[in-house]
Amino acid sequence: MEKAKDLRNLSPEELKDKVDQLKLDLMQHRFQAKTGKLERLPILGDKKRDIARVLTIMNEKNREAQSE
């Protein structure tokens, strides 16, 4: 996953696309975990944290836009 500093340089549309892709990845990993094919279970937590990181940056950008 990219660092927060790199994510802040992305446009709102790119951030939304990133969140959508991360959610899709999380869903696929959950299916793999249920079927026993997922080798590394902590990846689920990693994906959740990545989603939270991107959503946080999106909210920061929204607040900045509203205060201007």
N, C-alpha and C. Protein backbone atom coordinates (compact mmCIF):
# COMPACT_ATOMS: atom_id res chain seq x y z
N MET A 1 0.84 -1.18 0.00
CA MET A 1 0.00 0.00 0.00
C MET A 1 0.87 1.23 0.00
N GLU A 2 0.36 2.24 -0.64
CA GLU A 2 1.06 3.50 -0.70
C GLU A 2 1.04 4.20 0.65
N LYS A 3 2.00 5.06 0.86
CA LYS A 3 2.03 5.83 2.10
C LYS A 3 1.02 6.96 2.01
N ALA A 4 0.63 7.47 3.17
CA ALA A 4 -0.37 8.54 3.23
C ALA A 4 0.11 9.77 2.46
N LYS A 5 1.40 10.03 2.51
CA LYS A 5 1.96 11.19 1.81
C LYS A 5 1.71 11.08 0.30
N ASP A 6 1.87 9.88 -0.24
CA ASP A 6 1.64 9.66 -1.67
C ASP A 6 0.15 9.74 -2.00
N LEU A 7 -0.69 9.25 -1.10
CA LEU A 7 -2.13 9.26 -1.35
C LEU A 7 -2.68 10.68 -1.37
N ARG A 8 -2.06 11.58 -0.61
CA ARG A 8 -2.55 12.97 -0.57
C ARG A 8 -2.37 13.68 -1.91
N ASN A 9 -1.49 13.16 -2.76
CA ASN A 9 -1.25 13.77 -4.07
C ASN A 9 -2.28 13.33 -5.11
N LEU A 10 -3.10 12.35 -4.78
CA LEU A 10 -4.09 11.84 -5.73
C LEU A 10 -5.33 12.72 -5.74
N SER A 11 -6.02 12.70 -6.87
CA SER A 11 -7.27 13.46 -6.99
C SER A 11 -8.39 12.71 -6.27
N PRO A 12 -9.50 13.40 -5.97
CA PRO A 12 -10.63 12.72 -5.31
C PRO A 12 -11.15 11.52 -6.10
N GLU A 13 -11.16 11.62 -7.42
CA GLU A 13 -11.64 10.51 -8.24
C GLU A 13 -10.70 9.31 -8.12
N GLU A 14 -9.40 9.58 -8.11
CA GLU A 14 -8.43 8.50 -7.98
C GLU A 14 -8.53 7.84 -6.60
N LEU A 15 -8.78 8.64 -5.58
CA LEU A 15 -8.95 8.09 -4.24
C LEU A 15 -10.19 7.20 -4.16
N LYS A 16 -11.27 7.63 -4.82
CA LYS A 16 -12.50 6.83 -4.82
C LYS A 16 -12.25 5.51 -5.54
N ASP A 17 -11.54 5.56 -6.66
CA ASP A 17 -11.21 4.33 -7.38
C ASP A 17 -10.35 3.41 -6.52
N LYS A 18 -9.42 3.99 -5.77
CA LYS A 18 -8.55 3.22 -4.90
C LYS A 18 -9.36 2.51 -3.81
N VAL A 19 -10.33 3.23 -3.21
CA VAL A 19 -11.18 2.63 -2.18
C VAL A 19 -12.00 1.49 -2.77
N ASP A 20 -12.57 1.72 -3.94
CA ASP A 20 -13.37 0.67 -4.59
C ASP A 20 -12.54 -0.58 -4.84
N GLN A 21 -11.31 -0.39 -5.32
CA GLN A 21 -10.44 -1.53 -5.60
C GLN A 21 -10.05 -2.26 -4.31
N LEU A 22 -9.77 -1.50 -3.27
CA LEU A 22 -9.41 -2.11 -1.98
C LEU A 22 -10.58 -2.90 -1.40
N LYS A 23 -11.79 -2.38 -1.53
CA LYS A 23 -12.97 -3.10 -1.03
C LYS A 23 -13.18 -4.39 -1.81
N LEU A 24 -12.95 -4.34 -3.12
CA LEU A 24 -13.07 -5.54 -3.94
C LEU A 24 -12.02 -6.57 -3.52
N ASP A 25 -10.79 -6.12 -3.29
CA ASP A 25 -9.72 -7.02 -2.84
C ASP A 25 -10.08 -7.64 -1.50
N LEU A 26 -10.62 -6.83 -0.58
CA LEU A 26 -11.01 -7.35 0.74
C LEU A 26 -12.07 -8.42 0.60
N MET A 27 -13.05 -8.19 -0.26
CA MET A 27 -14.11 -9.17 -0.46
C MET A 27 -13.52 -10.49 -1.00
N GLN A 28 -12.61 -10.37 -1.96
CA GLN A 28 -12.00 -11.58 -2.52
C GLN A 28 -11.19 -12.33 -1.47
N HIS A 29 -10.47 -11.59 -0.62
CA HIS A 29 -9.69 -12.23 0.43
C HIS A 29 -10.59 -12.89 1.47
N ARG A 30 -11.73 -12.28 1.75
CA ARG A 30 -12.68 -12.90 2.69
C ARG A 30 -13.20 -14.23 2.14
N PHE A 31 -13.50 -14.25 0.84
CA PHE A 31 -13.95 -15.51 0.23
C PHE A 31 -12.84 -16.56 0.32
N GLN A 32 -11.61 -16.17 0.06
CA GLN A 32 -10.49 -17.10 0.14
C GLN A 32 -10.32 -17.61 1.57
N ALA A 33 -10.50 -16.73 2.55
CA ALA A 33 -10.37 -17.14 3.95
C ALA A 33 -11.45 -18.16 4.31
N LYS A 34 -12.67 -17.95 3.84
CA LYS A 34 -13.77 -18.87 4.16
C LYS A 34 -13.56 -20.24 3.52
N THR A 35 -12.96 -20.25 2.34
CA THR A 35 -12.74 -21.52 1.66
C THR A 35 -11.42 -22.18 2.04
N GLY A 36 -10.65 -21.49 2.89
CA GLY A 36 -9.39 -22.05 3.36
C GLY A 36 -8.24 -21.88 2.39
N LYS A 37 -8.37 -21.04 1.40
CA LYS A 37 -7.31 -20.86 0.41
C LYS A 37 -6.41 -19.67 0.70
N LEU A 38 -6.77 -18.88 1.70
CA LEU A 38 -5.97 -17.70 2.03
C LEU A 38 -4.81 -18.14 2.92
N GLU A 39 -3.59 -17.84 2.47
CA GLU A 39 -2.41 -18.30 3.21
C GLU A 39 -2.09 -17.41 4.40
N ARG A 40 -2.36 -16.10 4.27
CA ARG A 40 -1.96 -15.16 5.31
C ARG A 40 -3.19 -14.39 5.79
N LEU A 41 -3.75 -14.80 6.92
CA LEU A 41 -4.96 -14.17 7.45
C LEU A 41 -4.78 -12.71 7.83
N PRO A 42 -3.63 -12.27 8.31
CA PRO A 42 -3.49 -10.85 8.67
C PRO A 42 -3.69 -9.89 7.50
N ILE A 43 -3.72 -10.41 6.29
CA ILE A 43 -3.93 -9.54 5.13
C ILE A 43 -5.31 -8.88 5.19
N LEU A 44 -6.27 -9.53 5.85
CA LEU A 44 -7.60 -8.94 5.99
C LEU A 44 -7.53 -7.64 6.79
N GLY A 45 -6.80 -7.66 7.87
CA GLY A 45 -6.63 -6.46 8.68
C GLY A 45 -5.86 -5.39 7.94
N ASP A 46 -4.87 -5.81 7.16
CA ASP A 46 -4.09 -4.86 6.37
C ASP A 46 -4.98 -4.13 5.37
N LYS A 47 -5.85 -4.86 4.71
CA LYS A 47 -6.75 -4.25 3.73
C LYS A 47 -7.71 -3.27 4.39
N LYS A 48 -8.22 -3.66 5.58
CA LYS A 48 -9.13 -2.77 6.30
C LYS A 48 -8.42 -1.47 6.68
N ARG A 49 -7.18 -1.57 7.12
CA ARG A 49 -6.41 -0.38 7.48
C ARG A 49 -6.13 0.49 6.26
N ASP A 50 -5.86 -0.16 5.11
CA ASP A 50 -5.62 0.60 3.88
C ASP A 50 -6.87 1.38 3.48
N ILE A 51 -8.03 0.73 3.59
CA ILE A 51 -9.29 1.40 3.27
C ILE A 51 -9.50 2.59 4.20
N ALA A 52 -9.27 2.38 5.48
CA ALA A 52 -9.44 3.46 6.46
C ALA A 52 -8.48 4.62 6.16
N ARG A 53 -7.26 4.30 5.77
CA ARG A 53 -6.28 5.34 5.45
C ARG A 53 -6.75 6.20 4.27
N VAL A 54 -7.24 5.56 3.23
CA VAL A 54 -7.70 6.30 2.05
C VAL A 54 -8.94 7.12 2.39
N LEU A 55 -9.87 6.53 3.15
CA LEU A 55 -11.08 7.26 3.53
C LEU A 55 -10.76 8.47 4.40
N THR A 56 -9.78 8.34 5.27
CA THR A 56 -9.36 9.45 6.11
C THR A 56 -8.83 10.60 5.26
N ILE A 57 -8.02 10.28 4.28
CA ILE A 57 -7.47 11.31 3.41
C ILE A 57 -8.58 11.95 2.58
N MET A 58 -9.54 11.15 2.14
CA MET A 58 -10.67 11.72 1.40
C MET A 58 -11.44 12.71 2.28
N ASN A 59 -11.66 12.36 3.54
CA ASN A 59 -12.38 13.25 4.46
C ASN A 59 -11.58 14.51 4.73
N GLU A 60 -10.26 14.39 4.84
CA GLU A 60 -9.43 15.57 5.03
C GLU A 60 -9.56 16.52 3.85
N LYS A 61 -9.53 15.97 2.64
CA LYS A 61 -9.66 16.80 1.45
C LYS A 61 -11.04 17.46 1.39
N ASN A 62 -12.08 16.73 1.79
CA ASN A 62 -13.43 17.31 1.80
C ASN A 62 -13.53 18.46 2.78
N ARG A 63 -12.95 18.30 3.96
CA ARG A 63 -12.97 19.37 4.96
C ARG A 63 -12.19 20.59 4.49
N GLU A 64 -11.06 20.37 3.82
CA GLU A 64 -10.28 21.48 3.28
C GLU A 64 -11.07 22.23 2.22
N ALA A 65 -11.77 21.49 1.38
CA ALA A 65 -12.55 22.11 0.30
C ALA A 65 -13.72 22.92 0.88
N GLN A 66 -14.31 22.43 1.96
CA GLN A 66 -15.45 23.13 2.56
C GLN A 66 -15.01 24.39 3.30
N SER A 67 -13.80 24.38 3.86
CA SER A 67 -13.35 25.53 4.63
C SER A 67 -12.86 26.66 3.73
N GLU A 68 -12.61 26.38 2.47
CA GLU A 68 -12.14 27.43 1.56
C GLU A 68 -13.25 28.26 1.02
